[in-house]
Amino acid sequence: MKRVLLLATLALAAAPLLGQEVMTPKPPAPRHFYKLTYVLKEFDEGKVVNQRDFVLTVSTGDRYASRLRAGSRFPVRDEGKTNYVDVGVNLDNRLEDTPEGLAMEVNAEISSAGNDAASSGAPVIRQVRTNAQTIVAMNKPVVLFNVDDPASRHQFQLEVTVVPQH
């Protein structure tokens, strides 16, 4: 009798579970690695006056964007205290495999200390920021943006070439 009661209790407890699907964890998406070669060009009236190359390896499937920081910490005196301002190039990348191809999002910040000073005597920091999103072709340079510096006649262009890594 006890055995029958135990089996009946177990059957009643398991009955709601019979109609439910078993949830199996989804396998993680495969990670693919790519070498990104950025070329940042600065133009003055159509002539290249400066060019910098930046190379890094990035993977798809990362929870966080990869980051590249290149530049200097610039001292700025304010009321007897020295603060530092980062100037240079900051590139934040995110890659994602999509049915359309490799999707890329890039946040770029380009800054430099100007030759002139503000009324306080502190240097003027020139800055260009942009966000670009595109589907990239493999092994071919893609221009992500062209932007004019509003404080000068200079123009900045950022291109990237993506190469799969095996």
N, C-alpha and C. Protein backbone atom coordinates (compact mmCIF):
# COMPACT_ATOMS: atom_id res chain seq x y z
N MET A 1 0.81 -1.18 0.00
CA MET A 1 0.00 0.00 0.00
C MET A 1 0.86 1.25 0.00
N LYS A 2 1.92 1.23 0.83
CA LYS A 2 2.80 2.39 0.87
C LYS A 2 3.47 2.60 -0.47
N ARG A 3 3.82 1.47 -1.11
CA ARG A 3 4.47 1.57 -2.42
C ARG A 3 3.50 2.16 -3.45
N VAL A 4 2.25 1.81 -3.44
CA VAL A 4 1.25 2.32 -4.36
C VAL A 4 1.05 3.81 -4.13
N LEU A 5 0.98 4.24 -2.84
CA LEU A 5 0.83 5.66 -2.52
C LEU A 5 2.06 6.45 -3.00
N LEU A 6 3.24 5.90 -2.81
CA LEU A 6 4.46 6.57 -3.24
C LEU A 6 4.48 6.73 -4.76
N LEU A 7 4.11 5.67 -5.51
CA LEU A 7 4.08 5.74 -6.96
C LEU A 7 3.02 6.72 -7.44
N ALA A 8 1.86 6.73 -6.80
CA ALA A 8 0.80 7.66 -7.18
C ALA A 8 1.22 9.10 -6.91
N THR A 9 1.91 9.34 -5.82
CA THR A 9 2.38 10.69 -5.48
C THR A 9 3.42 11.14 -6.49
N LEU A 10 4.34 10.27 -6.85
CA LEU A 10 5.35 10.62 -7.85
C LEU A 10 4.72 10.88 -9.22
N ALA A 11 3.73 10.09 -9.59
CA ALA A 11 3.06 10.26 -10.88
C ALA A 11 2.32 11.60 -10.92
N LEU A 12 1.64 11.95 -9.83
CA LEU A 12 0.94 13.23 -9.76
C LEU A 12 1.91 14.41 -9.81
N ALA A 13 3.05 14.27 -9.15
CA ALA A 13 4.04 15.35 -9.14
C ALA A 13 4.69 15.52 -10.50
N ALA A 14 4.86 14.44 -11.25
CA ALA A 14 5.52 14.50 -12.55
C ALA A 14 4.57 14.85 -13.67
N ALA A 15 3.27 14.73 -13.47
CA ALA A 15 2.29 14.97 -14.53
C ALA A 15 2.42 16.36 -15.16
N PRO A 16 2.57 17.46 -14.40
CA PRO A 16 2.70 18.78 -15.05
C PRO A 16 3.95 18.89 -15.93
N LEU A 17 4.96 18.09 -15.68
CA LEU A 17 6.21 18.18 -16.44
C LEU A 17 6.13 17.48 -17.78
N LEU A 18 5.16 16.61 -17.97
CA LEU A 18 5.08 15.83 -19.21
C LEU A 18 4.86 16.68 -20.44
N GLY A 19 4.07 17.76 -20.34
CA GLY A 19 3.78 18.60 -21.50
C GLY A 19 4.81 19.68 -21.75
N GLN A 20 5.80 19.80 -20.89
CA GLN A 20 6.79 20.86 -21.05
C GLN A 20 7.98 20.38 -21.86
N GLU A 21 8.53 21.32 -22.66
CA GLU A 21 9.74 21.00 -23.40
C GLU A 21 10.95 21.13 -22.49
N VAL A 22 11.91 20.31 -22.75
CA VAL A 22 13.15 20.39 -22.00
C VAL A 22 14.00 21.49 -22.62
N MET A 23 14.41 22.45 -21.83
CA MET A 23 15.22 23.58 -22.31
C MET A 23 16.69 23.18 -22.26
N THR A 24 17.30 23.07 -23.42
CA THR A 24 18.73 22.78 -23.46
C THR A 24 19.46 24.08 -23.78
N PRO A 25 20.57 24.29 -23.13
CA PRO A 25 21.31 25.53 -23.40
C PRO A 25 21.75 25.59 -24.86
N LYS A 26 21.65 26.81 -25.42
CA LYS A 26 22.06 27.04 -26.80
C LYS A 26 23.58 27.08 -26.87
N PRO A 27 24.19 26.36 -27.79
CA PRO A 27 25.66 26.40 -27.86
C PRO A 27 26.12 27.80 -28.27
N PRO A 28 27.25 28.24 -27.76
CA PRO A 28 27.73 29.58 -28.12
C PRO A 28 28.06 29.66 -29.60
N ALA A 29 27.83 30.84 -30.16
CA ALA A 29 28.17 31.06 -31.57
C ALA A 29 29.68 30.93 -31.74
N PRO A 30 30.11 30.37 -32.87
CA PRO A 30 31.56 30.25 -33.06
C PRO A 30 32.21 31.62 -33.18
N ARG A 31 33.41 31.74 -32.63
CA ARG A 31 34.15 32.99 -32.70
C ARG A 31 35.05 32.95 -33.92
N HIS A 32 35.07 34.08 -34.64
CA HIS A 32 35.97 34.23 -35.78
C HIS A 32 36.88 35.41 -35.48
N PHE A 33 38.14 35.26 -35.87
CA PHE A 33 39.14 36.30 -35.60
C PHE A 33 39.52 37.02 -36.89
N TYR A 34 39.72 38.33 -36.76
CA TYR A 34 40.04 39.17 -37.91
C TYR A 34 41.14 40.15 -37.54
N LYS A 35 42.03 40.38 -38.49
CA LYS A 35 43.04 41.44 -38.33
C LYS A 35 42.47 42.71 -38.96
N LEU A 36 42.40 43.77 -38.18
CA LEU A 36 41.92 45.06 -38.67
C LEU A 36 43.11 45.98 -38.85
N THR A 37 43.25 46.52 -40.06
CA THR A 37 44.30 47.50 -40.33
C THR A 37 43.60 48.82 -40.63
N TYR A 38 43.76 49.76 -39.71
CA TYR A 38 43.18 51.09 -39.89
C TYR A 38 44.23 52.02 -40.47
N VAL A 39 43.82 52.88 -41.37
CA VAL A 39 44.68 53.93 -41.90
C VAL A 39 43.94 55.25 -41.69
N LEU A 40 44.53 56.11 -40.87
CA LEU A 40 43.97 57.43 -40.60
C LEU A 40 44.79 58.45 -41.38
N LYS A 41 44.13 59.15 -42.28
CA LYS A 41 44.81 60.16 -43.10
C LYS A 41 44.27 61.53 -42.74
N GLU A 42 45.20 62.47 -42.69
CA GLU A 42 44.82 63.88 -42.49
C GLU A 42 45.22 64.63 -43.75
N PHE A 43 44.25 65.34 -44.31
CA PHE A 43 44.45 66.09 -45.55
C PHE A 43 44.41 67.58 -45.25
N ASP A 44 45.19 68.35 -46.02
CA ASP A 44 45.10 69.81 -46.01
C ASP A 44 44.95 70.23 -47.47
N GLU A 45 43.77 70.73 -47.80
CA GLU A 45 43.43 71.14 -49.16
C GLU A 45 43.71 70.02 -50.17
N GLY A 46 43.32 68.79 -49.80
CA GLY A 46 43.43 67.65 -50.71
C GLY A 46 44.75 66.91 -50.67
N LYS A 47 45.78 67.44 -49.99
CA LYS A 47 47.07 66.77 -49.89
C LYS A 47 47.19 66.06 -48.55
N VAL A 48 47.69 64.82 -48.58
CA VAL A 48 47.90 64.09 -47.33
C VAL A 48 49.07 64.75 -46.59
N VAL A 49 48.81 65.22 -45.36
CA VAL A 49 49.85 65.85 -44.55
C VAL A 49 50.26 64.96 -43.38
N ASN A 50 49.46 63.93 -43.09
CA ASN A 50 49.79 63.03 -42.00
C ASN A 50 49.05 61.72 -42.22
N GLN A 51 49.71 60.61 -41.90
CA GLN A 51 49.07 59.30 -42.01
C GLN A 51 49.56 58.43 -40.88
N ARG A 52 48.63 57.75 -40.23
CA ARG A 52 48.95 56.83 -39.15
C ARG A 52 48.25 55.51 -39.42
N ASP A 53 48.96 54.40 -39.14
CA ASP A 53 48.38 53.07 -39.29
C ASP A 53 48.24 52.43 -37.92
N PHE A 54 47.15 51.71 -37.73
CA PHE A 54 46.88 51.01 -36.47
C PHE A 54 46.41 49.61 -36.83
N VAL A 55 46.99 48.58 -36.20
CA VAL A 55 46.65 47.20 -36.50
C VAL A 55 46.30 46.48 -35.20
N LEU A 56 45.19 45.75 -35.22
CA LEU A 56 44.82 44.94 -34.07
C LEU A 56 44.00 43.75 -34.52
N THR A 57 43.95 42.72 -33.68
CA THR A 57 43.15 41.54 -33.97
C THR A 57 41.91 41.59 -33.09
N VAL A 58 40.76 41.31 -33.72
CA VAL A 58 39.47 41.39 -33.04
C VAL A 58 38.70 40.12 -33.35
N SER A 59 37.83 39.70 -32.44
CA SER A 59 37.00 38.53 -32.71
C SER A 59 35.53 38.89 -32.64
N THR A 60 34.73 38.11 -33.34
CA THR A 60 33.29 38.21 -33.20
C THR A 60 32.92 37.43 -31.94
N GLY A 61 31.75 37.69 -31.45
CA GLY A 61 31.28 36.95 -30.28
C GLY A 61 31.76 37.50 -28.96
N ASP A 62 32.59 38.51 -28.97
CA ASP A 62 33.01 39.12 -27.71
C ASP A 62 31.86 39.90 -27.11
N ARG A 63 31.74 39.85 -25.81
CA ARG A 63 30.69 40.61 -25.13
C ARG A 63 30.99 42.10 -25.17
N TYR A 64 32.25 42.45 -25.23
CA TYR A 64 32.64 43.85 -25.19
C TYR A 64 33.39 44.21 -26.47
N ALA A 65 33.31 45.45 -26.83
CA ALA A 65 34.05 45.93 -28.00
C ALA A 65 35.54 45.94 -27.68
N SER A 66 36.35 45.73 -28.70
CA SER A 66 37.79 45.88 -28.52
C SER A 66 38.12 47.36 -28.59
N ARG A 67 39.21 47.73 -27.97
CA ARG A 67 39.58 49.14 -27.90
C ARG A 67 41.04 49.33 -28.23
N LEU A 68 41.32 50.43 -28.93
CA LEU A 68 42.68 50.82 -29.22
C LEU A 68 42.83 52.27 -28.76
N ARG A 69 43.88 52.54 -28.01
CA ARG A 69 44.18 53.89 -27.53
C ARG A 69 45.62 54.20 -27.91
N ALA A 70 45.83 55.31 -28.63
CA ALA A 70 47.18 55.73 -29.00
C ALA A 70 47.24 57.24 -28.85
N GLY A 71 48.16 57.72 -28.06
CA GLY A 71 48.25 59.16 -27.89
C GLY A 71 49.12 59.53 -26.70
N SER A 72 48.85 60.71 -26.18
CA SER A 72 49.63 61.26 -25.08
C SER A 72 48.70 61.88 -24.04
N ARG A 73 49.21 61.99 -22.84
CA ARG A 73 48.50 62.72 -21.79
C ARG A 73 49.11 64.11 -21.77
N PHE A 74 48.27 65.11 -21.98
CA PHE A 74 48.71 66.49 -22.13
C PHE A 74 48.45 67.25 -20.83
N PRO A 75 49.50 67.83 -20.19
CA PRO A 75 49.27 68.53 -18.92
C PRO A 75 48.59 69.89 -19.14
N VAL A 76 47.62 70.18 -18.31
CA VAL A 76 46.91 71.46 -18.35
C VAL A 76 46.86 71.99 -16.93
N ARG A 77 47.39 73.20 -16.73
CA ARG A 77 47.38 73.84 -15.40
C ARG A 77 46.08 74.61 -15.23
N ASP A 78 45.44 74.40 -14.09
CA ASP A 78 44.20 75.09 -13.78
C ASP A 78 44.23 75.48 -12.31
N GLU A 79 44.32 76.78 -12.04
CA GLU A 79 44.34 77.32 -10.67
C GLU A 79 45.40 76.62 -9.83
N GLY A 80 46.60 76.51 -10.35
CA GLY A 80 47.72 75.92 -9.62
C GLY A 80 47.73 74.41 -9.59
N LYS A 81 46.74 73.77 -10.14
CA LYS A 81 46.66 72.32 -10.14
C LYS A 81 46.88 71.81 -11.57
N THR A 82 47.61 70.71 -11.72
CA THR A 82 47.85 70.13 -13.04
C THR A 82 46.87 68.98 -13.28
N ASN A 83 46.12 69.10 -14.34
CA ASN A 83 45.24 68.03 -14.81
C ASN A 83 45.79 67.54 -16.13
N TYR A 84 45.41 66.35 -16.51
CA TYR A 84 45.89 65.78 -17.76
C TYR A 84 44.71 65.48 -18.68
N VAL A 85 44.91 65.79 -19.96
CA VAL A 85 43.91 65.54 -20.98
C VAL A 85 44.50 64.53 -21.96
N ASP A 86 43.76 63.48 -22.26
CA ASP A 86 44.22 62.49 -23.24
C ASP A 86 43.98 63.04 -24.64
N VAL A 87 45.02 63.05 -25.46
CA VAL A 87 44.89 63.45 -26.86
C VAL A 87 45.48 62.34 -27.72
N GLY A 88 44.90 62.15 -28.89
CA GLY A 88 45.39 61.10 -29.79
C GLY A 88 44.24 60.46 -30.52
N VAL A 89 44.32 59.14 -30.68
CA VAL A 89 43.32 58.38 -31.43
C VAL A 89 42.75 57.29 -30.53
N ASN A 90 41.43 57.23 -30.46
CA ASN A 90 40.71 56.17 -29.74
C ASN A 90 39.80 55.48 -30.74
N LEU A 91 39.91 54.17 -30.84
CA LEU A 91 39.06 53.38 -31.73
C LEU A 91 38.40 52.27 -30.92
N ASP A 92 37.08 52.24 -30.91
CA ASP A 92 36.32 51.17 -30.26
C ASP A 92 35.62 50.38 -31.36
N ASN A 93 35.83 49.07 -31.37
CA ASN A 93 35.33 48.20 -32.45
C ASN A 93 34.37 47.16 -31.90
N ARG A 94 33.40 46.82 -32.70
CA ARG A 94 32.54 45.66 -32.42
C ARG A 94 32.26 44.98 -33.76
N LEU A 95 32.50 43.67 -33.80
CA LEU A 95 32.25 42.88 -35.01
C LEU A 95 31.17 41.84 -34.72
N GLU A 96 30.36 41.59 -35.74
CA GLU A 96 29.30 40.60 -35.59
C GLU A 96 29.07 39.90 -36.93
N ASP A 97 29.05 38.56 -36.88
CA ASP A 97 28.70 37.81 -38.08
C ASP A 97 27.20 37.92 -38.29
N THR A 98 26.78 38.34 -39.48
CA THR A 98 25.37 38.46 -39.82
C THR A 98 25.12 37.74 -41.13
N PRO A 99 23.86 37.46 -41.47
CA PRO A 99 23.58 36.83 -42.77
C PRO A 99 24.06 37.68 -43.95
N GLU A 100 24.13 39.02 -43.76
CA GLU A 100 24.58 39.91 -44.84
C GLU A 100 26.09 39.95 -44.98
N GLY A 101 26.83 39.49 -43.97
CA GLY A 101 28.28 39.53 -43.97
C GLY A 101 28.78 39.97 -42.61
N LEU A 102 30.02 40.40 -42.56
CA LEU A 102 30.60 40.85 -41.30
C LEU A 102 30.19 42.29 -41.02
N ALA A 103 29.41 42.48 -39.98
CA ALA A 103 28.97 43.83 -39.59
C ALA A 103 30.00 44.42 -38.65
N MET A 104 30.29 45.69 -38.85
CA MET A 104 31.30 46.36 -38.05
C MET A 104 30.74 47.69 -37.55
N GLU A 105 30.97 47.96 -36.28
CA GLU A 105 30.64 49.26 -35.71
C GLU A 105 31.93 49.82 -35.12
N VAL A 106 32.23 51.06 -35.47
CA VAL A 106 33.45 51.71 -34.99
C VAL A 106 33.09 53.08 -34.42
N ASN A 107 33.52 53.31 -33.18
CA ASN A 107 33.46 54.64 -32.60
C ASN A 107 34.88 55.17 -32.63
N ALA A 108 35.06 56.33 -33.24
CA ALA A 108 36.40 56.90 -33.38
C ALA A 108 36.43 58.29 -32.76
N GLU A 109 37.52 58.57 -32.08
CA GLU A 109 37.76 59.90 -31.52
C GLU A 109 39.20 60.28 -31.85
N ILE A 110 39.35 61.42 -32.51
CA ILE A 110 40.67 61.92 -32.91
C ILE A 110 40.82 63.29 -32.26
N SER A 111 41.86 63.48 -31.48
CA SER A 111 42.05 64.78 -30.82
C SER A 111 43.52 65.17 -30.85
N SER A 112 43.74 66.49 -30.77
CA SER A 112 45.11 67.01 -30.74
C SER A 112 45.09 68.37 -30.07
N ALA A 113 46.24 68.73 -29.56
CA ALA A 113 46.39 70.07 -28.97
C ALA A 113 46.65 71.05 -30.11
N GLY A 114 45.86 72.12 -30.15
CA GLY A 114 46.03 73.12 -31.19
C GLY A 114 47.21 74.04 -30.91
N ASN A 115 47.56 74.83 -31.89
CA ASN A 115 48.68 75.77 -31.74
C ASN A 115 48.28 77.01 -30.95
N ASP A 116 47.00 77.30 -30.90
CA ASP A 116 46.54 78.49 -30.20
C ASP A 116 46.10 78.13 -28.78
N ALA A 117 45.91 79.14 -27.96
CA ALA A 117 45.50 78.93 -26.57
C ALA A 117 44.19 79.65 -26.32
N ALA A 118 43.42 79.11 -25.37
CA ALA A 118 42.19 79.76 -24.95
C ALA A 118 42.54 81.00 -24.13
N SER A 119 41.56 81.81 -23.80
CA SER A 119 41.82 83.03 -23.03
C SER A 119 42.42 82.72 -21.66
N SER A 120 42.20 81.52 -21.15
CA SER A 120 42.77 81.12 -19.86
C SER A 120 44.24 80.75 -19.98
N GLY A 121 44.76 80.66 -21.19
CA GLY A 121 46.14 80.24 -21.40
C GLY A 121 46.27 78.76 -21.66
N ALA A 122 45.22 78.01 -21.41
CA ALA A 122 45.24 76.57 -21.67
C ALA A 122 45.17 76.32 -23.17
N PRO A 123 45.79 75.25 -23.64
CA PRO A 123 45.74 74.97 -25.09
C PRO A 123 44.33 74.58 -25.52
N VAL A 124 44.03 74.87 -26.75
CA VAL A 124 42.76 74.43 -27.33
C VAL A 124 42.94 72.98 -27.77
N ILE A 125 42.00 72.13 -27.39
CA ILE A 125 42.03 70.74 -27.81
C ILE A 125 41.05 70.59 -28.97
N ARG A 126 41.56 70.18 -30.11
CA ARG A 126 40.71 69.94 -31.28
C ARG A 126 40.28 68.48 -31.25
N GLN A 127 39.02 68.24 -31.63
CA GLN A 127 38.50 66.90 -31.51
C GLN A 127 37.48 66.60 -32.60
N VAL A 128 37.55 65.39 -33.12
CA VAL A 128 36.57 64.87 -34.07
C VAL A 128 36.11 63.54 -33.52
N ARG A 129 34.79 63.35 -33.44
CA ARG A 129 34.22 62.08 -32.98
C ARG A 129 33.22 61.61 -34.01
N THR A 130 33.17 60.29 -34.21
CA THR A 130 32.19 59.75 -35.14
C THR A 130 31.88 58.30 -34.79
N ASN A 131 30.75 57.83 -35.29
CA ASN A 131 30.33 56.45 -35.16
C ASN A 131 30.02 55.96 -36.57
N ALA A 132 30.62 54.86 -36.97
CA ALA A 132 30.38 54.31 -38.32
C ALA A 132 29.93 52.87 -38.19
N GLN A 133 28.95 52.51 -39.02
CA GLN A 133 28.46 51.13 -39.07
C GLN A 133 28.41 50.70 -40.53
N THR A 134 28.91 49.50 -40.79
CA THR A 134 28.93 49.04 -42.18
C THR A 134 29.07 47.52 -42.22
N ILE A 135 28.78 46.97 -43.38
CA ILE A 135 29.12 45.58 -43.69
C ILE A 135 30.44 45.66 -44.47
N VAL A 136 31.47 44.97 -44.00
CA VAL A 136 32.79 45.11 -44.62
C VAL A 136 33.08 43.94 -45.57
N ALA A 137 33.79 44.26 -46.62
CA ALA A 137 34.30 43.25 -47.56
C ALA A 137 35.67 42.80 -47.06
N MET A 138 35.96 41.54 -47.22
CA MET A 138 37.24 41.01 -46.77
C MET A 138 38.36 41.43 -47.72
N ASN A 139 39.51 41.75 -47.15
CA ASN A 139 40.75 42.03 -47.88
C ASN A 139 40.67 43.25 -48.78
N LYS A 140 39.70 44.14 -48.58
CA LYS A 140 39.59 45.35 -49.39
C LYS A 140 39.44 46.55 -48.46
N PRO A 141 40.17 47.64 -48.73
CA PRO A 141 40.00 48.83 -47.89
C PRO A 141 38.59 49.41 -48.02
N VAL A 142 38.03 49.77 -46.88
CA VAL A 142 36.70 50.38 -46.83
C VAL A 142 36.84 51.71 -46.10
N VAL A 143 36.40 52.81 -46.74
CA VAL A 143 36.43 54.11 -46.07
C VAL A 143 35.25 54.17 -45.11
N LEU A 144 35.55 54.35 -43.83
CA LEU A 144 34.51 54.42 -42.81
C LEU A 144 33.93 55.82 -42.71
N PHE A 145 34.80 56.84 -42.85
CA PHE A 145 34.29 58.21 -42.83
C PHE A 145 35.32 59.18 -43.37
N ASN A 146 34.81 60.31 -43.85
CA ASN A 146 35.56 61.52 -44.18
C ASN A 146 34.91 62.62 -43.37
N VAL A 147 35.69 63.38 -42.66
CA VAL A 147 35.09 64.45 -41.86
C VAL A 147 36.00 65.68 -41.89
N ASP A 148 35.39 66.84 -42.03
CA ASP A 148 36.13 68.10 -42.01
C ASP A 148 36.34 68.55 -40.59
N ASP A 149 37.53 69.06 -40.32
CA ASP A 149 37.81 69.69 -39.03
C ASP A 149 37.23 71.10 -39.11
N PRO A 150 36.23 71.43 -38.28
CA PRO A 150 35.60 72.74 -38.37
C PRO A 150 36.52 73.91 -38.00
N ALA A 151 37.63 73.62 -37.35
CA ALA A 151 38.52 74.69 -36.91
C ALA A 151 39.67 74.94 -37.89
N SER A 152 39.72 74.16 -38.97
CA SER A 152 40.82 74.33 -39.92
C SER A 152 40.34 73.89 -41.31
N ARG A 153 41.26 73.85 -42.24
CA ARG A 153 40.93 73.37 -43.58
C ARG A 153 41.29 71.89 -43.74
N HIS A 154 41.51 71.25 -42.62
CA HIS A 154 41.92 69.85 -42.65
C HIS A 154 40.70 68.94 -42.72
N GLN A 155 40.95 67.76 -43.28
CA GLN A 155 39.93 66.73 -43.37
C GLN A 155 40.57 65.43 -42.87
N PHE A 156 39.79 64.61 -42.15
CA PHE A 156 40.26 63.32 -41.67
C PHE A 156 39.49 62.23 -42.39
N GLN A 157 40.22 61.16 -42.73
CA GLN A 157 39.61 60.00 -43.37
C GLN A 157 40.11 58.76 -42.65
N LEU A 158 39.18 57.88 -42.32
CA LEU A 158 39.55 56.61 -41.68
C LEU A 158 39.08 55.47 -42.57
N GLU A 159 40.02 54.61 -42.91
CA GLU A 159 39.66 53.41 -43.68
C GLU A 159 40.15 52.19 -42.91
N VAL A 160 39.50 51.07 -43.20
CA VAL A 160 39.88 49.81 -42.54
C VAL A 160 39.93 48.71 -43.59
N THR A 161 40.89 47.80 -43.41
CA THR A 161 40.96 46.59 -44.19
C THR A 161 40.86 45.43 -43.22
N VAL A 162 39.93 44.51 -43.49
CA VAL A 162 39.67 43.38 -42.61
C VAL A 162 40.18 42.11 -43.29
N VAL A 163 41.02 41.36 -42.57
CA VAL A 163 41.58 40.10 -43.09
C VAL A 163 41.25 38.98 -42.10
N PRO A 164 40.59 37.91 -42.59
CA PRO A 164 40.29 36.78 -41.68
C PRO A 164 41.57 36.14 -41.18
N GLN A 165 41.57 35.72 -39.93
CA GLN A 165 42.71 35.02 -39.33
C GLN A 165 42.30 33.56 -39.13
N HIS A 166 43.18 32.66 -39.49
CA HIS A 166 42.84 31.22 -39.37
C HIS A 166 43.66 30.57 -38.30
